[in-house]
Amino acid sequence: MDPWPKLDGEFFKVTGVIYNRRDFGLLLWGATVKKLGVRNADEALELYEEIRSEELDDPGRRALRRGFEMERPEEQEGNSADGSP
């Protein structure tokens, strides 16, 4: 099963969850900061809110957390960047 997005008009479907554009952006942001070395979802959320100087609503928080916790395709077993299993 492909964990990354399918575009359907104004919405993105990722692993069975539908996101609007804003929340999809938060999902990607969470996944990206994890890859950059942020240690946990709480730290990622705190960092985002500090940068934006605003608190996220519940759907935004969930999207960012899911992005942070999501296993990216290149992290799945057998999909290493150097071709090794």
C-alpha atoms as a PDB file:
ATOM      1  CA  MET A   1       0.000   0.000   0.000  1.00  0.00           C
ATOM      2  CA  ASP A   2       1.360   3.403  -1.003  1.00  0.00           C
ATOM      3  CA  PRO A   3       1.431   5.624   2.120  1.00  0.00           C
ATOM      4  CA  TRP A   4       1.836   8.884   0.229  1.00  0.00           C
ATOM      5  CA  PRO A   5      -0.773  11.142  -1.297  1.00  0.00           C
ATOM      6  CA  LYS A   6      -3.466  10.800  -3.840  1.00  0.00           C
ATOM      7  CA  LEU A   7      -4.790  14.189  -4.963  1.00  0.00           C
ATOM      8  CA  ASP A   8      -8.550  14.506  -5.333  1.00  0.00           C
ATOM      9  CA  GLY A   9      -9.503  18.095  -6.057  1.00  0.00           C
ATOM     10  CA  GLU A  10      -8.783  20.166  -2.962  1.00  0.00           C
ATOM     11  CA  PHE A  11      -8.080  17.168  -0.734  1.00  0.00           C
ATOM     12  CA  PHE A  12      -5.283  14.655  -0.237  1.00  0.00           C
ATOM     13  CA  LYS A  13      -5.844  11.095   0.881  1.00  0.00           C
ATOM     14  CA  VAL A  14      -2.933   9.584   2.801  1.00  0.00           C
ATOM     15  CA  THR A  15      -3.160   6.124   4.386  1.00  0.00           C
ATOM     16  CA  GLY A  16      -6.944   6.341   4.447  1.00  0.00           C
ATOM     17  CA  VAL A  17      -7.139   9.824   6.016  1.00  0.00           C
ATOM     18  CA  ILE A  18      -8.329  12.807   3.985  1.00  0.00           C
ATOM     19  CA  TYR A  19      -6.567  16.154   4.496  1.00  0.00           C
ATOM     20  CA  ASN A  20      -7.315  19.621   3.197  1.00  0.00           C
ATOM     21  CA  ARG A  21      -4.366  21.533   1.719  1.00  0.00           C
ATOM     22  CA  ARG A  22      -3.442  23.246   4.990  1.00  0.00           C
ATOM     23  CA  ASP A  23      -3.428  20.058   7.036  1.00  0.00           C
ATOM     24  CA  PHE A  24      -1.604  18.185   4.273  1.00  0.00           C
ATOM     25  CA  GLY A  25       1.101  20.847   4.478  1.00  0.00           C
ATOM     26  CA  LEU A  26       1.322  20.249   8.234  1.00  0.00           C
ATOM     27  CA  LEU A  27       1.586  16.501   7.623  1.00  0.00           C
ATOM     28  CA  LEU A  28       4.534  17.093   5.279  1.00  0.00           C
ATOM     29  CA  TRP A  29       6.099  19.586   7.689  1.00  0.00           C
ATOM     30  CA  GLY A  30       5.987  17.014  10.501  1.00  0.00           C
ATOM     31  CA  ALA A  31       7.592  14.362   8.292  1.00  0.00           C
ATOM     32  CA  THR A  32      10.284  16.765   7.109  1.00  0.00           C
ATOM     33  CA  VAL A  33      11.386  18.038  10.513  1.00  0.00           C
ATOM     34  CA  LYS A  34      11.645  14.437  11.708  1.00  0.00           C
ATOM     35  CA  LYS A  35      14.021  13.757   8.833  1.00  0.00           C
ATOM     36  CA  LEU A  36      15.984  16.885   9.802  1.00  0.00           C
ATOM     37  CA  GLY A  37      16.535  15.579  13.322  1.00  0.00           C
ATOM     38  CA  VAL A  38      13.719  16.897  15.527  1.00  0.00           C
ATOM     39  CA  ARG A  39      13.472  14.312  18.316  1.00  0.00           C
ATOM     40  CA  ASN A  40       9.723  13.903  18.850  1.00  0.00           C
ATOM     41  CA  ALA A  41       6.289  15.095  17.746  1.00  0.00           C
ATOM     42  CA  ASP A  42       5.859  17.369  20.772  1.00  0.00           C
ATOM     43  CA  GLU A  43       9.095  19.176  19.929  1.00  0.00           C
ATOM     44  CA  ALA A  44       7.999  19.477  16.283  1.00  0.00           C
ATOM     45  CA  LEU A  45       4.667  20.954  17.335  1.00  0.00           C
ATOM     46  CA  GLU A  46       6.321  23.392  19.733  1.00  0.00           C
ATOM     47  CA  LEU A  47       8.794  24.453  17.041  1.00  0.00           C
ATOM     48  CA  TYR A  48       6.029  25.033  14.479  1.00  0.00           C
ATOM     49  CA  GLU A  49       3.942  27.097  16.895  1.00  0.00           C
ATOM     50  CA  GLU A  50       6.984  29.150  17.910  1.00  0.00           C
ATOM     51  CA  ILE A  51       7.885  29.890  14.291  1.00  0.00           C
ATOM     52  CA  ARG A  52       4.303  30.833  13.366  1.00  0.00           C
ATOM     53  CA  SER A  53       3.547  32.622  16.668  1.00  0.00           C
ATOM     54  CA  GLU A  54       0.177  30.909  16.846  1.00  0.00           C
ATOM     55  CA  GLU A  55      -1.325  27.740  18.261  1.00  0.00           C
ATOM     56  CA  LEU A  56      -2.602  25.067  15.906  1.00  0.00           C
ATOM     57  CA  ASP A  57      -6.151  23.798  16.121  1.00  0.00           C
ATOM     58  CA  ASP A  58      -6.808  20.120  16.873  1.00  0.00           C
ATOM     59  CA  PRO A  59      -6.937  18.946  13.219  1.00  0.00           C
ATOM     60  CA  GLY A  60      -3.661  20.769  12.530  1.00  0.00           C
ATOM     61  CA  ARG A  61      -1.999  19.221  15.582  1.00  0.00           C
ATOM     62  CA  ARG A  62      -3.151  15.747  14.543  1.00  0.00           C
ATOM     63  CA  ALA A  63      -1.880  16.245  10.983  1.00  0.00           C
ATOM     64  CA  LEU A  64       1.539  17.419  12.157  1.00  0.00           C
ATOM     65  CA  ARG A  65       1.807  14.507  14.620  1.00  0.00           C
ATOM     66  CA  ARG A  66       0.752  11.965  11.985  1.00  0.00           C
ATOM     67  CA  GLY A  67       3.331  13.355   9.594  1.00  0.00           C
ATOM     68  CA  PHE A  68       6.023  13.102  12.238  1.00  0.00           C
ATOM     69  CA  GLU A  69       5.032   9.546  13.149  1.00  0.00           C
ATOM     70  CA  MET A  70       4.483   8.360   9.577  1.00  0.00           C
ATOM     71  CA  GLU A  71       7.002   5.974   8.098  1.00  0.00           C
ATOM     72  CA  ARG A  72       8.255   7.525   4.895  1.00  0.00           C
ATOM     73  CA  PRO A  73       8.626   5.186   1.888  1.00  0.00           C
ATOM     74  CA  GLU A  74      12.433   5.454   1.990  1.00  0.00           C
ATOM     75  CA  GLU A  75      12.364   4.354   5.660  1.00  0.00           C
ATOM     76  CA  GLN A  76      10.406   1.176   4.974  1.00  0.00           C
ATOM     77  CA  GLU A  77      12.275  -2.106   5.066  1.00  0.00           C
ATOM     78  CA  GLY A  78      13.964  -2.881   1.757  1.00  0.00           C
ATOM     79  CA  ASN A  79      13.801   0.698   0.486  1.00  0.00           C
ATOM     80  CA  SER A  80      17.137   2.126   1.518  1.00  0.00           C
ATOM     81  CA  ALA A  81      18.657   4.895  -0.566  1.00  0.00           C
ATOM     82  CA  ASP A  82      21.777   2.846  -1.343  1.00  0.00           C
ATOM     83  CA  GLY A  83      19.763  -0.149  -2.606  1.00  0.00           C
ATOM     84  CA  SER A  84      20.663  -2.442   0.298  1.00  0.00           C
ATOM     85  CA  PRO A  85      17.831  -4.408   1.948  1.00  0.00           C
END
